[in-house]
Amino acid sequence: MFQPQPLDMLQEKLGIVFRDLNLLKQAFTHSSYSNEHRMGPIQNNERLEFLGDAVLELAVSEYLYTVYPKKPEGELTKLRASIVCEPSLFRFAEDLEFGRFVLLGKGEELTGGRTRPALLADVFEAFIGALYLDQGFEASRLFLQKHLFAKLSGSGKPQVNDYKTQLQEYTQHRGMPQLEYKIVSEKGPAHDREFEAEVYVGQTKLGSGIGRSKKEAEQQAAAAALQMLNAEKG
């Protein structure tokens, strides 16, 4: 089973040293882990996620208000929603390799929780909440400036990778058969659905992925396929 990387590696990677390491550990502790272990003073990250969501909303609002002085309230609201949403936060967490550091319960680990978009988006929010409590709003804003705002396009929207389009261009350029996506499983209640998709070229499966929507699952399957194809090419 995968062993999470120690959090001192994350601090070194980010160039951030927490005064209270318990806050950092809590940010990366999923409820499935705390349910299986007697954690003592360390809780799961759900309360930090709640706080981090509010810090993110304020920081992103301030950034958009400052950078786009002529945009009306409605456009700013839409821009903020495109940034503070699960797909965007998942990609920011993925870029920072947060999945390597999360403490998960055995069941969550076995079902691919470490790469689940919803889980990693929550971890990103929890980390922001922990950083805010440990070092204040300015430190949180500086972190977001480096790792989030710098990745926004000129229009203020996240630069989202469209893996399905990239994969289609890759296969068409090489004269490969038509791509086909299949939803192979659906789990969870209606308000918290999880889909698994697979992508095929002809009869060959290229990759699989999990997401909170069918489209997100297909994007993750395409990303896995591109990674596999590029690895083979290299």
C-alpha atoms as a PDB file:
ATOM      1  CA  MET A   1       0.000   0.000   0.000  1.00  0.00           C
ATOM      2  CA  PHE A   2       1.152   3.550  -0.778  1.00  0.00           C
ATOM      3  CA  GLN A   3       2.954   5.316   2.049  1.00  0.00           C
ATOM      4  CA  PRO A   4       2.331   9.085   2.213  1.00  0.00           C
ATOM      5  CA  GLN A   5       5.413  11.282   2.030  1.00  0.00           C
ATOM      6  CA  PRO A   6       6.483  13.077   5.248  1.00  0.00           C
ATOM      7  CA  LEU A   7       5.160  16.610   5.619  1.00  0.00           C
ATOM      8  CA  ASP A   8       8.619  18.104   6.084  1.00  0.00           C
ATOM      9  CA  MET A   9       9.166  17.290   2.407  1.00  0.00           C
ATOM     10  CA  LEU A  10       6.066  19.326   1.558  1.00  0.00           C
ATOM     11  CA  GLN A  11       7.265  22.262   3.650  1.00  0.00           C
ATOM     12  CA  GLU A  12      10.620  22.157   1.895  1.00  0.00           C
ATOM     13  CA  LYS A  13       8.933  21.922  -1.506  1.00  0.00           C
ATOM     14  CA  LEU A  14       6.713  24.937  -0.790  1.00  0.00           C
ATOM     15  CA  GLY A  15       9.294  26.960   1.113  1.00  0.00           C
ATOM     16  CA  ILE A  16       6.875  27.292   4.032  1.00  0.00           C
ATOM     17  CA  VAL A  17       7.597  26.307   7.652  1.00  0.00           C
ATOM     18  CA  PHE A  18       4.544  25.871   9.879  1.00  0.00           C
ATOM     19  CA  ARG A  19       4.750  27.079  13.461  1.00  0.00           C
ATOM     20  CA  ASP A  20       2.078  24.546  14.453  1.00  0.00           C
ATOM     21  CA  LEU A  21       2.752  21.278  12.643  1.00  0.00           C
ATOM     22  CA  ASN A  22      -0.505  19.846  13.979  1.00  0.00           C
ATOM     23  CA  LEU A  23      -2.395  22.265  11.734  1.00  0.00           C
ATOM     24  CA  LEU A  24      -0.501  21.065   8.682  1.00  0.00           C
ATOM     25  CA  LYS A  25      -1.073  17.424   9.609  1.00  0.00           C
ATOM     26  CA  GLN A  26      -4.774  18.090  10.161  1.00  0.00           C
ATOM     27  CA  ALA A  27      -5.046  19.681   6.702  1.00  0.00           C
ATOM     28  CA  PHE A  28      -3.818  16.432   5.134  1.00  0.00           C
ATOM     29  CA  THR A  29      -5.822  14.057   7.346  1.00  0.00           C
ATOM     30  CA  HIS A  30      -8.903  12.668   5.594  1.00  0.00           C
ATOM     31  CA  SER A  31     -11.903  11.642   7.671  1.00  0.00           C
ATOM     32  CA  SER A  32     -11.397   8.001   6.592  1.00  0.00           C
ATOM     33  CA  TYR A  33      -8.008   8.021   8.343  1.00  0.00           C
ATOM     34  CA  SER A  34      -9.203   9.706  11.531  1.00  0.00           C
ATOM     35  CA  ASN A  35     -12.103   7.242  11.699  1.00  0.00           C
ATOM     36  CA  GLU A  36      -9.647   4.325  11.669  1.00  0.00           C
ATOM     37  CA  HIS A  37      -7.098   5.806  14.103  1.00  0.00           C
ATOM     38  CA  ARG A  38      -7.214   7.313  17.532  1.00  0.00           C
ATOM     39  CA  MET A  39      -5.768  10.649  16.537  1.00  0.00           C
ATOM     40  CA  GLY A  40      -5.458  12.354  19.907  1.00  0.00           C
ATOM     41  CA  PRO A  41      -5.391  16.135  19.350  1.00  0.00           C
ATOM     42  CA  ILE A  42      -5.275  15.768  15.534  1.00  0.00           C
ATOM     43  CA  GLN A  43      -8.659  15.975  13.824  1.00  0.00           C
ATOM     44  CA  ASN A  44      -9.614  15.428  10.195  1.00  0.00           C
ATOM     45  CA  ASN A  45      -9.473  18.294   7.732  1.00  0.00           C
ATOM     46  CA  GLU A  46     -13.190  19.063   7.340  1.00  0.00           C
ATOM     47  CA  ARG A  47     -13.247  22.116   9.638  1.00  0.00           C
ATOM     48  CA  LEU A  48     -10.095  23.508   8.009  1.00  0.00           C
ATOM     49  CA  GLU A  49     -11.722  22.950   4.615  1.00  0.00           C
ATOM     50  CA  PHE A  50     -14.668  25.097   5.763  1.00  0.00           C
ATOM     51  CA  LEU A  51     -12.331  27.894   6.849  1.00  0.00           C
ATOM     52  CA  GLY A  52     -10.083  27.620   3.806  1.00  0.00           C
ATOM     53  CA  ASP A  53     -13.075  27.980   1.496  1.00  0.00           C
ATOM     54  CA  ALA A  54     -13.849  31.365   3.088  1.00  0.00           C
ATOM     55  CA  VAL A  55     -10.211  32.507   2.906  1.00  0.00           C
ATOM     56  CA  LEU A  56     -10.074  31.488  -0.759  1.00  0.00           C
ATOM     57  CA  GLU A  57     -13.283  33.374  -1.540  1.00  0.00           C
ATOM     58  CA  LEU A  58     -11.909  36.552   0.047  1.00  0.00           C
ATOM     59  CA  ALA A  59      -8.434  36.294  -1.502  1.00  0.00           C
ATOM     60  CA  VAL A  60      -9.767  35.544  -4.978  1.00  0.00           C
ATOM     61  CA  SER A  61     -12.374  38.304  -4.681  1.00  0.00           C
ATOM     62  CA  GLU A  62      -9.711  40.822  -3.668  1.00  0.00           C
ATOM     63  CA  TYR A  63      -7.439  39.717  -6.520  1.00  0.00           C
ATOM     64  CA  LEU A  64     -10.166  39.984  -9.173  1.00  0.00           C
ATOM     65  CA  TYR A  65     -11.421  43.319  -7.795  1.00  0.00           C
ATOM     66  CA  THR A  66      -7.906  44.759  -8.038  1.00  0.00           C
ATOM     67  CA  VAL A  67      -6.817  43.271 -11.372  1.00  0.00           C
ATOM     68  CA  TYR A  68     -10.074  43.957 -13.244  1.00  0.00           C
ATOM     69  CA  PRO A  69     -11.210  47.434 -12.114  1.00  0.00           C
ATOM     70  CA  LYS A  70     -13.683  47.807 -15.007  1.00  0.00           C
ATOM     71  CA  LYS A  71     -15.480  44.455 -14.789  1.00  0.00           C
ATOM     72  CA  PRO A  72     -19.003  44.597 -13.318  1.00  0.00           C
ATOM     73  CA  GLU A  73     -20.056  42.597 -10.271  1.00  0.00           C
ATOM     74  CA  GLY A  74     -21.751  39.869 -12.305  1.00  0.00           C
ATOM     75  CA  GLU A  75     -18.634  39.114 -14.363  1.00  0.00           C
ATOM     76  CA  LEU A  76     -16.428  39.127 -11.265  1.00  0.00           C
ATOM     77  CA  THR A  77     -18.782  36.657  -9.582  1.00  0.00           C
ATOM     78  CA  LYS A  78     -18.616  34.308 -12.568  1.00  0.00           C
ATOM     79  CA  LEU A  79     -14.821  34.534 -12.689  1.00  0.00           C
ATOM     80  CA  ARG A  80     -14.559  33.778  -8.980  1.00  0.00           C
ATOM     81  CA  ALA A  81     -16.843  30.764  -9.386  1.00  0.00           C
ATOM     82  CA  SER A  82     -14.637  29.420 -12.192  1.00  0.00           C
ATOM     83  CA  ILE A  83     -11.591  29.609  -9.901  1.00  0.00           C
ATOM     84  CA  VAL A  84     -13.034  28.475  -6.560  1.00  0.00           C
ATOM     85  CA  CYS A  85     -14.593  25.284  -7.908  1.00  0.00           C
ATOM     86  CA  GLU A  86     -13.690  21.624  -7.629  1.00  0.00           C
ATOM     87  CA  PRO A  87     -12.092  21.083 -11.075  1.00  0.00           C
ATOM     88  CA  SER A  88      -9.827  24.126 -10.687  1.00  0.00           C
ATOM     89  CA  LEU A  89      -8.827  23.434  -7.089  1.00  0.00           C
ATOM     90  CA  PHE A  90      -8.182  19.797  -7.996  1.00  0.00           C
ATOM     91  CA  ARG A  91      -5.742  20.851 -10.701  1.00  0.00           C
ATOM     92  CA  PHE A  92      -3.965  23.276  -8.357  1.00  0.00           C
ATOM     93  CA  ALA A  93      -3.638  20.494  -5.759  1.00  0.00           C
ATOM     94  CA  GLU A  94      -2.449  18.112  -8.446  1.00  0.00           C
ATOM     95  CA  ASP A  95       0.215  20.574  -9.631  1.00  0.00           C
ATOM     96  CA  LEU A  96       1.516  20.733  -6.050  1.00  0.00           C
ATOM     97  CA  GLU A  97       1.394  16.906  -5.715  1.00  0.00           C
ATOM     98  CA  PHE A  98      -0.742  17.172  -2.579  1.00  0.00           C
ATOM     99  CA  GLY A  99      -1.975  13.614  -3.131  1.00  0.00           C
ATOM    100  CA  ARG A 100       1.433  12.277  -2.084  1.00  0.00           C
ATOM    101  CA  PHE A 101       0.984  13.643   1.451  1.00  0.00           C
ATOM    102  CA  VAL A 102      -2.632  12.808   2.349  1.00  0.00           C
ATOM    103  CA  LEU A 103      -3.384  10.404   5.210  1.00  0.00           C
ATOM    104  CA  LEU A 104      -6.162   8.056   4.065  1.00  0.00           C
ATOM    105  CA  GLY A 105      -8.021   5.130   5.560  1.00  0.00           C
ATOM    106  CA  LYS A 106      -7.450   1.723   3.995  1.00  0.00           C
ATOM    107  CA  GLY A 107     -10.752   1.640   2.140  1.00  0.00           C
ATOM    108  CA  GLU A 108     -10.312   5.117   0.677  1.00  0.00           C
ATOM    109  CA  GLU A 109      -6.766   4.221  -0.365  1.00  0.00           C
ATOM    110  CA  LEU A 110      -7.860   1.044  -2.126  1.00  0.00           C
ATOM    111  CA  THR A 111     -10.598   2.833  -4.077  1.00  0.00           C
ATOM    112  CA  GLY A 112      -8.262   5.485  -5.500  1.00  0.00           C
ATOM    113  CA  GLY A 113      -8.989   8.298  -3.057  1.00  0.00           C
ATOM    114  CA  ARG A 114      -5.486   9.701  -3.432  1.00  0.00           C
ATOM    115  CA  THR A 115      -6.285  10.883  -6.964  1.00  0.00           C
ATOM    116  CA  ARG A 116      -9.992  11.674  -6.476  1.00  0.00           C
ATOM    117  CA  PRO A 117     -10.738  15.248  -7.610  1.00  0.00           C
ATOM    118  CA  ALA A 118     -13.202  16.046  -4.805  1.00  0.00           C
ATOM    119  CA  LEU A 119     -10.809  14.815  -2.122  1.00  0.00           C
ATOM    120  CA  LEU A 120      -7.825  16.770  -3.443  1.00  0.00           C
ATOM    121  CA  ALA A 121      -9.881  19.931  -3.925  1.00  0.00           C
ATOM    122  CA  ASP A 122     -10.916  19.640  -0.263  1.00  0.00           C
ATOM    123  CA  VAL A 123      -7.285  19.164   0.794  1.00  0.00           C
ATOM    124  CA  PHE A 124      -6.316  22.332  -1.078  1.00  0.00           C
ATOM    125  CA  GLU A 125      -8.976  24.302   0.804  1.00  0.00           C
ATOM    126  CA  ALA A 126      -7.939  22.721   4.117  1.00  0.00           C
ATOM    127  CA  PHE A 127      -4.308  23.665   3.488  1.00  0.00           C
ATOM    128  CA  ILE A 128      -5.320  27.289   2.887  1.00  0.00           C
ATOM    129  CA  GLY A 129      -7.296  27.211   6.133  1.00  0.00           C
ATOM    130  CA  ALA A 130      -4.314  25.803   8.029  1.00  0.00           C
ATOM    131  CA  LEU A 131      -1.927  28.366   6.533  1.00  0.00           C
ATOM    132  CA  TYR A 132      -4.313  31.174   7.451  1.00  0.00           C
ATOM    133  CA  LEU A 133      -4.528  30.032  11.081  1.00  0.00           C
ATOM    134  CA  ASP A 134      -0.785  29.490  11.318  1.00  0.00           C
ATOM    135  CA  GLN A 135       0.529  32.596   9.553  1.00  0.00           C
ATOM    136  CA  GLY A 136      -2.348  34.902   8.710  1.00  0.00           C
ATOM    137  CA  PHE A 137      -4.093  36.234   5.624  1.00  0.00           C
ATOM    138  CA  GLU A 138      -1.041  37.841   4.027  1.00  0.00           C
ATOM    139  CA  ALA A 139       0.892  34.555   3.975  1.00  0.00           C
ATOM    140  CA  SER A 140      -2.172  32.833   2.490  1.00  0.00           C
ATOM    141  CA  ARG A 141      -2.450  35.508  -0.184  1.00  0.00           C
ATOM    142  CA  LEU A 142       1.251  35.241  -1.079  1.00  0.00           C
ATOM    143  CA  PHE A 143       0.904  31.463  -1.444  1.00  0.00           C
ATOM    144  CA  LEU A 144      -2.124  31.888  -3.696  1.00  0.00           C
ATOM    145  CA  GLN A 145      -0.341  34.553  -5.729  1.00  0.00           C
ATOM    146  CA  LYS A 146       2.441  32.101  -6.490  1.00  0.00           C
ATOM    147  CA  HIS A 147       0.495  28.881  -6.932  1.00  0.00           C
ATOM    148  CA  LEU A 148      -2.970  29.963  -8.097  1.00  0.00           C
ATOM    149  CA  PHE A 149      -3.173  33.522  -9.438  1.00  0.00           C
ATOM    150  CA  ALA A 150      -0.025  33.053 -11.527  1.00  0.00           C
ATOM    151  CA  LYS A 151      -1.762  30.211 -13.380  1.00  0.00           C
ATOM    152  CA  LEU A 152      -4.800  32.210 -14.444  1.00  0.00           C
ATOM    153  CA  SER A 153      -5.142  33.269 -18.052  1.00  0.00           C
ATOM    154  CA  GLY A 154      -5.351  36.882 -19.153  1.00  0.00           C
ATOM    155  CA  SER A 155      -9.140  36.632 -18.915  1.00  0.00           C
ATOM    156  CA  GLY A 156      -8.895  35.651 -15.245  1.00  0.00           C
ATOM    157  CA  LYS A 157     -10.042  32.082 -15.830  1.00  0.00           C
ATOM    158  CA  PRO A 158      -8.000  28.997 -14.867  1.00  0.00           C
ATOM    159  CA  GLN A 159      -5.998  27.582 -17.730  1.00  0.00           C
ATOM    160  CA  VAL A 160      -7.822  24.268 -17.834  1.00  0.00           C
ATOM    161  CA  ASN A 161      -6.207  21.378 -19.626  1.00  0.00           C
ATOM    162  CA  ASP A 162      -8.613  19.825 -22.116  1.00  0.00           C
ATOM    163  CA  TYR A 163      -7.144  16.328 -22.117  1.00  0.00           C
ATOM    164  CA  LYS A 164      -9.881  14.897 -24.350  1.00  0.00           C
ATOM    165  CA  THR A 165      -9.037  17.336 -27.151  1.00  0.00           C
ATOM    166  CA  GLN A 166      -5.307  16.674 -26.718  1.00  0.00           C
ATOM    167  CA  LEU A 167      -5.874  12.917 -26.903  1.00  0.00           C
ATOM    168  CA  GLN A 168      -8.096  13.232 -29.966  1.00  0.00           C
ATOM    169  CA  GLU A 169      -5.442  15.327 -31.743  1.00  0.00           C
ATOM    170  CA  TYR A 170      -2.764  12.815 -30.760  1.00  0.00           C
ATOM    171  CA  THR A 171      -4.651   9.806 -32.134  1.00  0.00           C
ATOM    172  CA  GLN A 172      -5.874  11.547 -35.300  1.00  0.00           C
ATOM    173  CA  HIS A 173      -2.385  12.781 -36.121  1.00  0.00           C
ATOM    174  CA  ARG A 174      -1.137   9.179 -35.981  1.00  0.00           C
ATOM    175  CA  GLY A 175      -4.038   7.703 -37.939  1.00  0.00           C
ATOM    176  CA  MET A 176      -5.309   5.678 -34.974  1.00  0.00           C
ATOM    177  CA  PRO A 177      -8.921   4.375 -34.769  1.00  0.00           C
ATOM    178  CA  GLN A 178     -11.776   6.468 -33.345  1.00  0.00           C
ATOM    179  CA  LEU A 179     -11.720   7.049 -29.591  1.00  0.00           C
ATOM    180  CA  GLU A 180     -14.550   5.699 -27.476  1.00  0.00           C
ATOM    181  CA  TYR A 181     -15.345   6.620 -23.869  1.00  0.00           C
ATOM    182  CA  LYS A 182     -17.283   4.268 -21.592  1.00  0.00           C
ATOM    183  CA  ILE A 183     -18.708   4.968 -18.137  1.00  0.00           C
ATOM    184  CA  VAL A 184     -17.983   1.677 -16.364  1.00  0.00           C
ATOM    185  CA  SER A 185     -19.257   2.441 -12.855  1.00  0.00           C
ATOM    186  CA  GLU A 186     -21.302   4.890 -10.804  1.00  0.00           C
ATOM    187  CA  LYS A 187     -21.098   5.038  -7.007  1.00  0.00           C
ATOM    188  CA  GLY A 188     -22.454   7.067  -4.134  1.00  0.00           C
ATOM    189  CA  PRO A 189     -25.683   8.958  -3.395  1.00  0.00           C
ATOM    190  CA  ALA A 190     -27.165  11.396  -5.901  1.00  0.00           C
ATOM    191  CA  HIS A 191     -25.625  14.456  -4.220  1.00  0.00           C
ATOM    192  CA  ASP A 192     -22.132  12.918  -4.073  1.00  0.00           C
ATOM    193  CA  ARG A 193     -21.863  10.783  -7.211  1.00  0.00           C
ATOM    194  CA  GLU A 194     -18.576   9.290  -8.403  1.00  0.00           C
ATOM    195  CA  PHE A 195     -18.105   8.059 -11.955  1.00  0.00           C
ATOM    196  CA  GLU A 196     -15.391   5.893 -13.483  1.00  0.00           C
ATOM    197  CA  ALA A 197     -14.653   6.190 -17.194  1.00  0.00           C
ATOM    198  CA  GLU A 198     -12.428   4.261 -19.582  1.00  0.00           C
ATOM    199  CA  VAL A 199     -11.173   5.376 -22.970  1.00  0.00           C
ATOM    200  CA  TYR A 200     -10.527   2.966 -25.828  1.00  0.00           C
ATOM    201  CA  VAL A 201      -8.906   3.236 -29.232  1.00  0.00           C
ATOM    202  CA  GLY A 202     -10.359   0.335 -31.191  1.00  0.00           C
ATOM    203  CA  GLN A 203     -10.371  -2.593 -28.750  1.00  0.00           C
ATOM    204  CA  THR A 204      -7.414  -1.293 -26.714  1.00  0.00           C
ATOM    205  CA  LYS A 205      -8.002   0.443 -23.394  1.00  0.00           C
ATOM    206  CA  LEU A 206      -5.737   3.478 -23.102  1.00  0.00           C
ATOM    207  CA  GLY A 207      -6.657   4.758 -19.654  1.00  0.00           C
ATOM    208  CA  SER A 208      -9.253   5.136 -16.917  1.00  0.00           C
ATOM    209  CA  GLY A 209     -10.260   7.964 -14.628  1.00  0.00           C
ATOM    210  CA  ILE A 210     -12.597   8.926 -11.784  1.00  0.00           C
ATOM    211  CA  GLY A 211     -14.593  12.136 -11.366  1.00  0.00           C
ATOM    212  CA  ARG A 212     -17.647  13.737  -9.782  1.00  0.00           C
ATOM    213  CA  SER A 213     -19.257  14.013 -13.216  1.00  0.00           C
ATOM    214  CA  LYS A 214     -19.107  11.897 -16.360  1.00  0.00           C
ATOM    215  CA  LYS A 215     -17.208  14.662 -18.159  1.00  0.00           C
ATOM    216  CA  GLU A 216     -14.637  14.931 -15.366  1.00  0.00           C
ATOM    217  CA  ALA A 217     -14.155  11.148 -15.337  1.00  0.00           C
ATOM    218  CA  GLU A 218     -13.614  11.163 -19.119  1.00  0.00           C
ATOM    219  CA  GLN A 219     -11.091  14.013 -18.793  1.00  0.00           C
ATOM    220  CA  GLN A 220      -9.167  12.031 -16.188  1.00  0.00           C
ATOM    221  CA  ALA A 221      -9.243   8.918 -18.405  1.00  0.00           C
ATOM    222  CA  ALA A 222      -7.877  10.968 -21.311  1.00  0.00           C
ATOM    223  CA  ALA A 223      -5.142  12.403 -19.069  1.00  0.00           C
ATOM    224  CA  ALA A 224      -4.117   8.872 -18.023  1.00  0.00           C
ATOM    225  CA  ALA A 225      -4.087   7.783 -21.671  1.00  0.00           C
ATOM    226  CA  LEU A 226      -1.865  10.697 -22.690  1.00  0.00           C
ATOM    227  CA  GLN A 227       0.525   9.927 -19.852  1.00  0.00           C
ATOM    228  CA  MET A 228       0.752   6.288 -20.957  1.00  0.00           C
ATOM    229  CA  LEU A 229       1.207   7.141 -24.645  1.00  0.00           C
ATOM    230  CA  ASN A 230       3.867   9.746 -23.922  1.00  0.00           C
ATOM    231  CA  ALA A 231       5.709   7.306 -21.640  1.00  0.00           C
ATOM    232  CA  GLU A 232       5.720   4.695 -24.402  1.00  0.00           C
ATOM    233  CA  LYS A 233       6.934   7.278 -26.912  1.00  0.00           C
ATOM    234  CA  GLY A 234       9.742   8.321 -24.572  1.00  0.00           C
END
